[in-house]
Amino acid sequence: MANQTWIEVALNGAWTRRLQPRIPVTADEIVREGVDCVRAGAAIVHAHTLDPHTGRQNNDVENCTAFISGIKAQVDAIVYPTAVPPPNCTDWQQRYETIVELARRGLAEWGFIDPGSVNLWRADTPAAPAYGDDRAIYSNSPGFVEYAMQLAEKHKFHPAFACYEPGFVRHGAMLHRRHPRTPVPVYRFMLSSVFTFSFPPEAWALDAYVKLAEKVAPGAPWMVAGLDVDVLPLIPAVVAMGGHVRVGLEDARHGSERSNVELVDAAVAAIQRAGGEPASAAEVRKTLALCKPPPA
């Protein structure tokens, strides 16, 4: 039986159309592209809620509700948002109030938890690309991450761990051991061609992340992703190692000429060439349900 490889599509991100002109911004645009991507082979859809006038990220729960419900009304998919105030917001409850409200509405199947802080800086420019100098630090204090994990345990959503550095894998695994009743996290290994965090998208980098995850979180699901990166060349190795992949315009090289659907199409083709098959949302849920809790 062919390996079932999950495809997550990250539709937009916080870049605005200045850096990624083809991103969907409004709820209707997100629904349309999300549905098309699921029909093309994605099982998981991730989107940021954006102000339709400025394109800037916000925490509009009604907008999130509209695009999550809109996608799920047409296709079976795991849909989860990023919905936060400006990146340096220090009010823990404010940062997660949208996710908590979505959980109350039965719409929080997965939720973002980034287990550490990182400098979002490019090696090819003297300025941060999205937020300016003082906001290039993406801050997630240990206390905040602990609070987020408590919410995941309470509201029973799967943490999506964005691992911007290898230490994030270790911290995420520690959190899951401390909160074993939390649904199984998904570890997303963040790579980049031009940002200075983590590793470049090379086979040795993927191998290092996988070996670390096998040591600290054996059996946990993982996927390869990143920012301003092309992960498609890594897909043969990902399929061979039993991992998963995220594509889409949040992660793609800035100024991408490919659409979200075209990126999903390319991922499907690469997975099938490597002997795998894209998983459905139902198959993703089944796999997660079979994952064992972490050792004490």
C-alpha atoms as a PDB file:
ATOM      1  CA  MET A   1       0.000   0.000   0.000  1.00  0.00           C
ATOM      2  CA  ALA A   2       1.351   3.427  -0.921  1.00  0.00           C
ATOM      3  CA  ASN A   3       2.338   5.817   1.856  1.00  0.00           C
ATOM      4  CA  GLN A   4      -0.440   8.244   2.633  1.00  0.00           C
ATOM      5  CA  THR A   5       1.094  11.698   2.636  1.00  0.00           C
ATOM      6  CA  TRP A   6      -0.783  14.630   4.092  1.00  0.00           C
ATOM      7  CA  ILE A   7      -0.821  17.853   2.120  1.00  0.00           C
ATOM      8  CA  GLU A   8      -1.461  21.060   4.013  1.00  0.00           C
ATOM      9  CA  VAL A   9      -1.965  24.235   2.011  1.00  0.00           C
ATOM     10  CA  ALA A  10      -1.200  27.557   3.700  1.00  0.00           C
ATOM     11  CA  LEU A  11      -3.186  30.000   1.608  1.00  0.00           C
ATOM     12  CA  ASN A  12      -1.956  33.472   2.530  1.00  0.00           C
ATOM     13  CA  GLY A  13       0.030  34.373   5.659  1.00  0.00           C
ATOM     14  CA  ALA A  14       0.726  37.880   6.899  1.00  0.00           C
ATOM     15  CA  TRP A  15       2.832  39.040   3.938  1.00  0.00           C
ATOM     16  CA  THR A  16       0.177  41.146   2.162  1.00  0.00           C
ATOM     17  CA  ARG A  17      -0.019  41.297  -1.615  1.00  0.00           C
ATOM     18  CA  ARG A  18       3.047  43.520  -1.731  1.00  0.00           C
ATOM     19  CA  LEU A  19       5.197  40.438  -1.219  1.00  0.00           C
ATOM     20  CA  GLN A  20       2.832  37.699  -2.378  1.00  0.00           C
ATOM     21  CA  PRO A  21       0.453  39.188  -4.973  1.00  0.00           C
ATOM     22  CA  ARG A  22      -1.649  36.058  -5.537  1.00  0.00           C
ATOM     23  CA  ILE A  23      -2.804  35.432  -1.956  1.00  0.00           C
ATOM     24  CA  PRO A  24      -6.525  35.321  -1.103  1.00  0.00           C
ATOM     25  CA  VAL A  25      -7.541  38.062   1.330  1.00  0.00           C
ATOM     26  CA  THR A  26     -11.314  38.082   1.836  1.00  0.00           C
ATOM     27  CA  ALA A  27     -13.291  35.204   3.339  1.00  0.00           C
ATOM     28  CA  ASP A  28     -14.905  34.504  -0.039  1.00  0.00           C
ATOM     29  CA  GLU A  29     -11.502  34.310  -1.729  1.00  0.00           C
ATOM     30  CA  ILE A  30     -10.180  32.018   1.012  1.00  0.00           C
ATOM     31  CA  VAL A  31     -13.206  29.734   0.683  1.00  0.00           C
ATOM     32  CA  ARG A  32     -12.905  29.539  -3.092  1.00  0.00           C
ATOM     33  CA  GLU A  33      -9.183  28.735  -3.064  1.00  0.00           C
ATOM     34  CA  GLY A  34      -9.455  26.427  -0.068  1.00  0.00           C
ATOM     35  CA  VAL A  35     -12.156  24.340  -1.737  1.00  0.00           C
ATOM     36  CA  ASP A  36     -10.202  24.175  -4.996  1.00  0.00           C
ATOM     37  CA  CYS A  37      -7.065  23.076  -3.124  1.00  0.00           C
ATOM     38  CA  VAL A  38      -8.912  20.311  -1.275  1.00  0.00           C
ATOM     39  CA  ARG A  39     -10.383  19.068  -4.540  1.00  0.00           C
ATOM     40  CA  ALA A  40      -6.842  19.064  -5.942  1.00  0.00           C
ATOM     41  CA  GLY A  41      -5.525  16.890  -3.098  1.00  0.00           C
ATOM     42  CA  ALA A  42      -4.984  18.927   0.074  1.00  0.00           C
ATOM     43  CA  ALA A  43      -6.441  17.534   3.305  1.00  0.00           C
ATOM     44  CA  ILE A  44      -5.569  20.480   5.543  1.00  0.00           C
ATOM     45  CA  VAL A  45      -6.180  24.173   4.874  1.00  0.00           C
ATOM     46  CA  HIS A  46      -4.526  26.940   6.860  1.00  0.00           C
ATOM     47  CA  ALA A  47      -5.318  30.627   6.441  1.00  0.00           C
ATOM     48  CA  HIS A  48      -4.716  33.907   8.247  1.00  0.00           C
ATOM     49  CA  THR A  49      -7.656  36.209   8.772  1.00  0.00           C
ATOM     50  CA  LEU A  50      -6.856  39.493   7.026  1.00  0.00           C
ATOM     51  CA  ASP A  51      -8.406  42.936   6.900  1.00  0.00           C
ATOM     52  CA  PRO A  52     -10.090  43.099   3.465  1.00  0.00           C
ATOM     53  CA  HIS A  53      -9.107  46.765   3.051  1.00  0.00           C
ATOM     54  CA  THR A  54      -5.477  46.735   4.213  1.00  0.00           C
ATOM     55  CA  GLY A  55      -4.583  43.065   3.832  1.00  0.00           C
ATOM     56  CA  ARG A  56      -3.101  43.120   7.326  1.00  0.00           C
ATOM     57  CA  GLN A  57      -3.564  40.278   9.773  1.00  0.00           C
ATOM     58  CA  ASN A  58      -6.257  40.656  12.424  1.00  0.00           C
ATOM     59  CA  ASN A  59      -8.175  38.515  14.928  1.00  0.00           C
ATOM     60  CA  ASP A  60     -11.663  38.733  13.433  1.00  0.00           C
ATOM     61  CA  VAL A  61     -13.532  35.676  14.701  1.00  0.00           C
ATOM     62  CA  GLU A  62     -16.466  36.203  12.337  1.00  0.00           C
ATOM     63  CA  ASN A  63     -14.130  36.225   9.352  1.00  0.00           C
ATOM     64  CA  CYS A  64     -12.523  32.988  10.566  1.00  0.00           C
ATOM     65  CA  THR A  65     -15.931  31.444  11.108  1.00  0.00           C
ATOM     66  CA  ALA A  66     -16.965  32.440   7.593  1.00  0.00           C
ATOM     67  CA  PHE A  67     -14.048  30.828   5.804  1.00  0.00           C
ATOM     68  CA  ILE A  68     -13.841  27.729   8.017  1.00  0.00           C
ATOM     69  CA  SER A  69     -17.564  27.052   7.702  1.00  0.00           C
ATOM     70  CA  GLY A  70     -17.564  28.008   4.027  1.00  0.00           C
ATOM     71  CA  ILE A  71     -14.872  25.476   3.144  1.00  0.00           C
ATOM     72  CA  LYS A  72     -16.342  22.711   5.300  1.00  0.00           C
ATOM     73  CA  ALA A  73     -19.778  23.234   3.757  1.00  0.00           C
ATOM     74  CA  GLN A  74     -18.389  22.138   0.383  1.00  0.00           C
ATOM     75  CA  VAL A  75     -15.592  19.654   1.117  1.00  0.00           C
ATOM     76  CA  ASP A  76     -14.291  17.522   3.978  1.00  0.00           C
ATOM     77  CA  ALA A  77     -11.175  19.281   5.208  1.00  0.00           C
ATOM     78  CA  ILE A  78      -9.267  20.177   8.349  1.00  0.00           C
ATOM     79  CA  VAL A  79      -9.318  23.981   8.378  1.00  0.00           C
ATOM     80  CA  TYR A  80      -7.512  26.057  10.977  1.00  0.00           C
ATOM     81  CA  PRO A  81      -6.579  29.729  11.158  1.00  0.00           C
ATOM     82  CA  THR A  82      -3.971  32.054  12.476  1.00  0.00           C
ATOM     83  CA  ALA A  83      -5.912  34.887  14.044  1.00  0.00           C
ATOM     84  CA  VAL A  84      -3.902  37.143  16.314  1.00  0.00           C
ATOM     85  CA  PRO A  85      -3.332  40.824  17.090  1.00  0.00           C
ATOM     86  CA  PRO A  86       0.001  42.377  16.008  1.00  0.00           C
ATOM     87  CA  PRO A  87       2.938  39.997  16.533  1.00  0.00           C
ATOM     88  CA  ASN A  88       4.294  41.624  19.697  1.00  0.00           C
ATOM     89  CA  CYS A  89       1.005  41.537  21.612  1.00  0.00           C
ATOM     90  CA  THR A  90       1.840  40.453  25.176  1.00  0.00           C
ATOM     91  CA  ASP A  91      -1.713  39.784  26.367  1.00  0.00           C
ATOM     92  CA  TRP A  92      -1.926  35.989  26.324  1.00  0.00           C
ATOM     93  CA  GLN A  93      -5.709  35.841  26.439  1.00  0.00           C
ATOM     94  CA  GLN A  94      -6.022  38.405  23.639  1.00  0.00           C
ATOM     95  CA  ARG A  95      -3.661  36.425  21.410  1.00  0.00           C
ATOM     96  CA  TYR A  96      -5.821  33.317  21.708  1.00  0.00           C
ATOM     97  CA  GLU A  97      -9.304  34.755  22.164  1.00  0.00           C
ATOM     98  CA  THR A  98     -10.289  33.994  18.565  1.00  0.00           C
ATOM     99  CA  ILE A  99      -9.168  30.360  18.794  1.00  0.00           C
ATOM    100  CA  VAL A 100     -11.023  29.929  22.091  1.00  0.00           C
ATOM    101  CA  GLU A 101     -14.204  31.343  20.577  1.00  0.00           C
ATOM    102  CA  LEU A 102     -13.839  29.088  17.537  1.00  0.00           C
ATOM    103  CA  ALA A 103     -13.469  26.132  19.910  1.00  0.00           C
ATOM    104  CA  ARG A 104     -16.705  27.135  21.615  1.00  0.00           C
ATOM    105  CA  ARG A 105     -18.355  27.120  18.184  1.00  0.00           C
ATOM    106  CA  GLY A 106     -16.989  23.667  17.389  1.00  0.00           C
ATOM    107  CA  LEU A 107     -14.621  25.003  14.718  1.00  0.00           C
ATOM    108  CA  ALA A 108     -11.185  24.428  16.290  1.00  0.00           C
ATOM    109  CA  GLU A 109      -9.971  21.037  15.072  1.00  0.00           C
ATOM    110  CA  TRP A 110      -6.331  22.157  14.943  1.00  0.00           C
ATOM    111  CA  GLY A 111      -4.708  25.261  16.403  1.00  0.00           C
ATOM    112  CA  PHE A 112      -1.357  26.965  16.006  1.00  0.00           C
ATOM    113  CA  ILE A 113       1.145  26.771  18.878  1.00  0.00           C
ATOM    114  CA  ASP A 114       4.668  27.896  18.105  1.00  0.00           C
ATOM    115  CA  PRO A 115       6.882  26.590  20.946  1.00  0.00           C
ATOM    116  CA  GLY A 116       9.572  29.266  21.013  1.00  0.00           C
ATOM    117  CA  SER A 117      10.689  32.689  19.804  1.00  0.00           C
ATOM    118  CA  VAL A 118      12.595  33.503  16.638  1.00  0.00           C
ATOM    119  CA  ASN A 119      14.089  36.387  14.675  1.00  0.00           C
ATOM    120  CA  LEU A 120      12.216  36.693  11.364  1.00  0.00           C
ATOM    121  CA  TRP A 121      15.064  38.163   9.358  1.00  0.00           C
ATOM    122  CA  ARG A 122      16.297  37.720   5.824  1.00  0.00           C
ATOM    123  CA  ALA A 123      19.923  37.300   4.853  1.00  0.00           C
ATOM    124  CA  ASP A 124      19.436  39.263   1.625  1.00  0.00           C
ATOM    125  CA  THR A 125      18.006  42.542   2.976  1.00  0.00           C
ATOM    126  CA  PRO A 126      18.719  44.971   5.838  1.00  0.00           C
ATOM    127  CA  ALA A 127      15.025  45.211   6.740  1.00  0.00           C
ATOM    128  CA  ALA A 128      12.485  42.741   8.031  1.00  0.00           C
ATOM    129  CA  PRO A 129       9.982  41.931   5.274  1.00  0.00           C
ATOM    130  CA  ALA A 130       6.649  42.270   7.004  1.00  0.00           C
ATOM    131  CA  TYR A 131       6.662  44.155  10.247  1.00  0.00           C
ATOM    132  CA  GLY A 132       9.703  46.444  10.467  1.00  0.00           C
ATOM    133  CA  ASP A 133      12.770  46.306  12.685  1.00  0.00           C
ATOM    134  CA  ASP A 134      11.217  46.145  16.159  1.00  0.00           C
ATOM    135  CA  ARG A 135       8.676  43.515  15.155  1.00  0.00           C
ATOM    136  CA  ALA A 136      11.080  41.095  13.526  1.00  0.00           C
ATOM    137  CA  ILE A 137      11.154  39.121  16.777  1.00  0.00           C
ATOM    138  CA  TYR A 138       8.326  36.609  16.803  1.00  0.00           C
ATOM    139  CA  SER A 139       7.943  36.259  20.547  1.00  0.00           C
ATOM    140  CA  ASN A 140       6.414  33.236  22.267  1.00  0.00           C
ATOM    141  CA  SER A 141       7.518  33.153  25.897  1.00  0.00           C
ATOM    142  CA  PRO A 142       7.596  29.870  27.842  1.00  0.00           C
ATOM    143  CA  GLY A 143       4.641  31.069  29.904  1.00  0.00           C
ATOM    144  CA  PHE A 144       2.625  31.936  26.825  1.00  0.00           C
ATOM    145  CA  VAL A 145       3.338  28.613  25.135  1.00  0.00           C
ATOM    146  CA  GLU A 146       2.343  26.801  28.331  1.00  0.00           C
ATOM    147  CA  TYR A 147      -0.907  28.785  28.369  1.00  0.00           C
ATOM    148  CA  ALA A 148      -1.577  27.863  24.728  1.00  0.00           C
ATOM    149  CA  MET A 149      -0.973  24.187  25.479  1.00  0.00           C
ATOM    150  CA  GLN A 150      -3.419  24.348  28.378  1.00  0.00           C
ATOM    151  CA  LEU A 151      -6.017  25.706  25.960  1.00  0.00           C
ATOM    152  CA  ALA A 152      -5.340  22.863  23.519  1.00  0.00           C
ATOM    153  CA  GLU A 153      -5.790  20.368  26.341  1.00  0.00           C
ATOM    154  CA  LYS A 154      -9.005  22.031  27.528  1.00  0.00           C
ATOM    155  CA  HIS A 155     -10.597  22.559  24.116  1.00  0.00           C
ATOM    156  CA  LYS A 156      -9.176  19.396  22.527  1.00  0.00           C
ATOM    157  CA  PHE A 157      -7.593  20.827  19.405  1.00  0.00           C
ATOM    158  CA  HIS A 158      -4.453  19.352  17.866  1.00  0.00           C
ATOM    159  CA  PRO A 159      -1.467  21.679  18.341  1.00  0.00           C
ATOM    160  CA  ALA A 160       0.258  22.553  15.081  1.00  0.00           C
ATOM    161  CA  PHE A 161       3.834  23.165  16.247  1.00  0.00           C
ATOM    162  CA  ALA A 162       5.778  25.452  13.897  1.00  0.00           C
ATOM    163  CA  CYS A 163       9.372  24.467  14.660  1.00  0.00           C
ATOM    164  CA  TYR A 164      11.504  27.404  13.561  1.00  0.00           C
ATOM    165  CA  GLU A 165      14.567  25.917  15.260  1.00  0.00           C
ATOM    166  CA  PRO A 166      15.414  22.356  16.338  1.00  0.00           C
ATOM    167  CA  GLY A 167      14.946  23.319  19.980  1.00  0.00           C
ATOM    168  CA  PHE A 168      11.282  23.973  19.253  1.00  0.00           C
ATOM    169  CA  VAL A 169      10.857  20.231  18.611  1.00  0.00           C
ATOM    170  CA  ARG A 170      12.312  19.460  22.024  1.00  0.00           C
ATOM    171  CA  HIS A 171      10.192  22.106  23.742  1.00  0.00           C
ATOM    172  CA  GLY A 172       7.042  20.896  21.996  1.00  0.00           C
ATOM    173  CA  ALA A 173       7.732  17.298  23.015  1.00  0.00           C
ATOM    174  CA  MET A 174       8.262  18.399  26.611  1.00  0.00           C
ATOM    175  CA  LEU A 175       4.945  20.259  26.562  1.00  0.00           C
ATOM    176  CA  HIS A 176       3.119  17.193  25.286  1.00  0.00           C
ATOM    177  CA  ARG A 177       4.637  15.032  28.021  1.00  0.00           C
ATOM    178  CA  ARG A 178       3.411  17.578  30.567  1.00  0.00           C
ATOM    179  CA  HIS A 179      -0.041  17.654  28.971  1.00  0.00           C
ATOM    180  CA  PRO A 180      -0.560  14.066  27.783  1.00  0.00           C
ATOM    181  CA  ARG A 181      -4.333  14.486  27.450  1.00  0.00           C
ATOM    182  CA  THR A 182      -3.787  17.096  24.743  1.00  0.00           C
ATOM    183  CA  PRO A 183      -4.577  15.801  21.238  1.00  0.00           C
ATOM    184  CA  VAL A 184      -1.490  14.646  19.368  1.00  0.00           C
ATOM    185  CA  PRO A 185       0.623  17.580  18.092  1.00  0.00           C
ATOM    186  CA  VAL A 186       1.860  17.842  14.532  1.00  0.00           C
ATOM    187  CA  TYR A 187       5.491  18.963  14.243  1.00  0.00           C
ATOM    188  CA  ARG A 188       6.137  21.256  11.295  1.00  0.00           C
ATOM    189  CA  PHE A 189       9.824  21.603  10.422  1.00  0.00           C
ATOM    190  CA  MET A 190      10.346  25.176   9.215  1.00  0.00           C
ATOM    191  CA  LEU A 191      13.043  25.655   6.576  1.00  0.00           C
ATOM    192  CA  SER A 192      13.996  28.680   4.503  1.00  0.00           C
ATOM    193  CA  SER A 193      16.125  29.618   1.546  1.00  0.00           C
ATOM    194  CA  VAL A 194      16.611  33.234   2.654  1.00  0.00           C
ATOM    195  CA  PHE A 195      15.402  33.677   6.230  1.00  0.00           C
ATOM    196  CA  THR A 196      18.157  33.086   8.774  1.00  0.00           C
ATOM    197  CA  PHE A 197      16.212  30.812  11.123  1.00  0.00           C
ATOM    198  CA  SER A 198      16.575  27.027  11.117  1.00  0.00           C
ATOM    199  CA  PHE A 199      18.171  25.278   8.122  1.00  0.00           C
ATOM    200  CA  PRO A 200      18.028  25.676   4.342  1.00  0.00           C
ATOM    201  CA  PRO A 201      15.814  23.194   2.461  1.00  0.00           C
ATOM    202  CA  GLU A 202      18.427  20.464   2.148  1.00  0.00           C
ATOM    203  CA  ALA A 203      18.183  16.710   2.656  1.00  0.00           C
ATOM    204  CA  TRP A 204      20.638  16.764   5.569  1.00  0.00           C
ATOM    205  CA  ALA A 205      18.469  19.370   7.326  1.00  0.00           C
ATOM    206  CA  LEU A 206      15.366  17.222   6.998  1.00  0.00           C
ATOM    207  CA  ASP A 207      17.319  14.215   8.233  1.00  0.00           C
ATOM    208  CA  ALA A 208      18.469  16.136  11.319  1.00  0.00           C
ATOM    209  CA  TYR A 209      14.937  17.222  12.206  1.00  0.00           C
ATOM    210  CA  VAL A 210      13.538  13.717  11.690  1.00  0.00           C
ATOM    211  CA  LYS A 211      16.213  12.100  13.860  1.00  0.00           C
ATOM    212  CA  LEU A 212      15.552  14.627  16.619  1.00  0.00           C
ATOM    213  CA  ALA A 213      11.791  14.088  16.449  1.00  0.00           C
ATOM    214  CA  GLU A 214      12.237  10.313  16.547  1.00  0.00           C
ATOM    215  CA  LYS A 215      14.277  10.701  19.726  1.00  0.00           C
ATOM    216  CA  VAL A 216      12.083  13.154  21.661  1.00  0.00           C
ATOM    217  CA  ALA A 217       8.626  12.483  20.153  1.00  0.00           C
ATOM    218  CA  PRO A 218       8.715   8.956  18.699  1.00  0.00           C
ATOM    219  CA  GLY A 219       5.825   8.211  16.392  1.00  0.00           C
ATOM    220  CA  ALA A 220       4.586  11.800  16.272  1.00  0.00           C
ATOM    221  CA  PRO A 221       3.454  13.072  12.856  1.00  0.00           C
ATOM    222  CA  TRP A 222       5.651  15.650  11.174  1.00  0.00           C
ATOM    223  CA  MET A 223       5.689  17.691   8.007  1.00  0.00           C
ATOM    224  CA  VAL A 224       8.182  19.790   6.094  1.00  0.00           C
ATOM    225  CA  ALA A 225       7.372  23.462   5.532  1.00  0.00           C
ATOM    226  CA  GLY A 226       8.977  26.884   5.833  1.00  0.00           C
ATOM    227  CA  LEU A 227       8.878  30.495   4.749  1.00  0.00           C
ATOM    228  CA  ASP A 228      10.084  31.880   1.413  1.00  0.00           C
ATOM    229  CA  VAL A 229      11.029  28.351   0.427  1.00  0.00           C
ATOM    230  CA  ASP A 230      10.415  25.645  -2.157  1.00  0.00           C
ATOM    231  CA  VAL A 231      10.027  22.294  -0.397  1.00  0.00           C
ATOM    232  CA  LEU A 232       8.946  20.335  -3.483  1.00  0.00           C
ATOM    233  CA  PRO A 233      12.451  18.882  -4.095  1.00  0.00           C
ATOM    234  CA  LEU A 234      12.326  17.319  -0.619  1.00  0.00           C
ATOM    235  CA  ILE A 235       9.105  15.403  -1.260  1.00  0.00           C
ATOM    236  CA  PRO A 236      10.758  12.109  -2.369  1.00  0.00           C
ATOM    237  CA  ALA A 237      12.642  11.987   0.940  1.00  0.00           C
ATOM    238  CA  VAL A 238       9.530  13.031   2.875  1.00  0.00           C
ATOM    239  CA  VAL A 239       7.477  10.209   1.354  1.00  0.00           C
ATOM    240  CA  ALA A 240      10.243   7.667   1.955  1.00  0.00           C
ATOM    241  CA  MET A 241      10.491   8.667   5.626  1.00  0.00           C
ATOM    242  CA  GLY A 242       6.741   8.662   6.231  1.00  0.00           C
ATOM    243  CA  GLY A 243       6.377  12.406   6.636  1.00  0.00           C
ATOM    244  CA  HIS A 244       4.035  15.009   5.238  1.00  0.00           C
ATOM    245  CA  VAL A 245       4.269  18.313   3.404  1.00  0.00           C
ATOM    246  CA  ARG A 246       2.929  21.841   3.503  1.00  0.00           C
ATOM    247  CA  VAL A 247       2.781  24.087   0.450  1.00  0.00           C
ATOM    248  CA  GLY A 248       0.954  27.294  -0.430  1.00  0.00           C
ATOM    249  CA  LEU A 249       1.559  30.995  -0.826  1.00  0.00           C
ATOM    250  CA  GLU A 250       2.283  31.635   2.849  1.00  0.00           C
ATOM    251  CA  ASP A 251       5.341  29.415   2.542  1.00  0.00           C
ATOM    252  CA  ALA A 252       6.319  29.817  -1.125  1.00  0.00           C
ATOM    253  CA  ARG A 253       9.099  32.005  -2.457  1.00  0.00           C
ATOM    254  CA  HIS A 254       7.917  35.610  -2.374  1.00  0.00           C
ATOM    255  CA  GLY A 255       6.457  36.803  -5.639  1.00  0.00           C
ATOM    256  CA  SER A 256       5.445  33.269  -6.575  1.00  0.00           C
ATOM    257  CA  GLU A 257       4.007  32.925 -10.060  1.00  0.00           C
ATOM    258  CA  ARG A 258       2.204  29.734  -9.034  1.00  0.00           C
ATOM    259  CA  SER A 259      -1.208  29.834  -7.386  1.00  0.00           C
ATOM    260  CA  ASN A 260      -2.147  27.843  -4.308  1.00  0.00           C
ATOM    261  CA  VAL A 261      -3.907  25.255  -6.464  1.00  0.00           C
ATOM    262  CA  GLU A 262      -0.889  24.939  -8.745  1.00  0.00           C
ATOM    263  CA  LEU A 263       1.343  24.376  -5.709  1.00  0.00           C
ATOM    264  CA  VAL A 264      -0.984  21.641  -4.455  1.00  0.00           C
ATOM    265  CA  ASP A 265      -1.042  20.079  -7.930  1.00  0.00           C
ATOM    266  CA  ALA A 266       2.760  20.055  -7.940  1.00  0.00           C
ATOM    267  CA  ALA A 267       2.864  18.448  -4.490  1.00  0.00           C
ATOM    268  CA  VAL A 268       0.394  15.742  -5.536  1.00  0.00           C
ATOM    269  CA  ALA A 269       2.447  14.950  -8.631  1.00  0.00           C
ATOM    270  CA  ALA A 270       5.692  14.797  -6.635  1.00  0.00           C
ATOM    271  CA  ILE A 271       4.131  12.539  -3.997  1.00  0.00           C
ATOM    272  CA  GLN A 272       2.793  10.151  -6.623  1.00  0.00           C
ATOM    273  CA  ARG A 273       6.123  10.057  -8.464  1.00  0.00           C
ATOM    274  CA  ALA A 274       7.720   9.082  -5.144  1.00  0.00           C
ATOM    275  CA  GLY A 275       5.277   6.199  -4.706  1.00  0.00           C
ATOM    276  CA  GLY A 276       2.889   7.860  -2.265  1.00  0.00           C
ATOM    277  CA  GLU A 277      -0.691   9.027  -2.389  1.00  0.00           C
ATOM    278  CA  PRO A 278      -2.268  12.176  -0.921  1.00  0.00           C
ATOM    279  CA  ALA A 279      -4.313  11.479   2.201  1.00  0.00           C
ATOM    280  CA  SER A 280      -7.865  12.673   2.672  1.00  0.00           C
ATOM    281  CA  ALA A 281      -8.937  14.616   5.751  1.00  0.00           C
ATOM    282  CA  ALA A 282     -10.678  11.484   7.047  1.00  0.00           C
ATOM    283  CA  GLU A 283      -7.439   9.528   6.685  1.00  0.00           C
ATOM    284  CA  VAL A 284      -5.503  12.247   8.532  1.00  0.00           C
ATOM    285  CA  ARG A 285      -7.982  12.103  11.414  1.00  0.00           C
ATOM    286  CA  LYS A 286      -7.768   8.305  11.510  1.00  0.00           C
ATOM    287  CA  THR A 287      -3.964   8.410  11.676  1.00  0.00           C
ATOM    288  CA  LEU A 288      -4.014  10.978  14.478  1.00  0.00           C
ATOM    289  CA  ALA A 289      -6.511   8.889  16.435  1.00  0.00           C
ATOM    290  CA  LEU A 290      -4.116   5.929  16.308  1.00  0.00           C
ATOM    291  CA  CYS A 291      -1.128   7.896  17.637  1.00  0.00           C
ATOM    292  CA  LYS A 292      -0.062   6.827  21.111  1.00  0.00           C
ATOM    293  CA  PRO A 293       0.196   9.336  23.984  1.00  0.00           C
ATOM    294  CA  PRO A 294       3.717  10.433  24.929  1.00  0.00           C
ATOM    295  CA  PRO A 295       5.703   8.390  27.470  1.00  0.00           C
ATOM    296  CA  ALA A 296       5.502   9.697  31.019  1.00  0.00           C
END
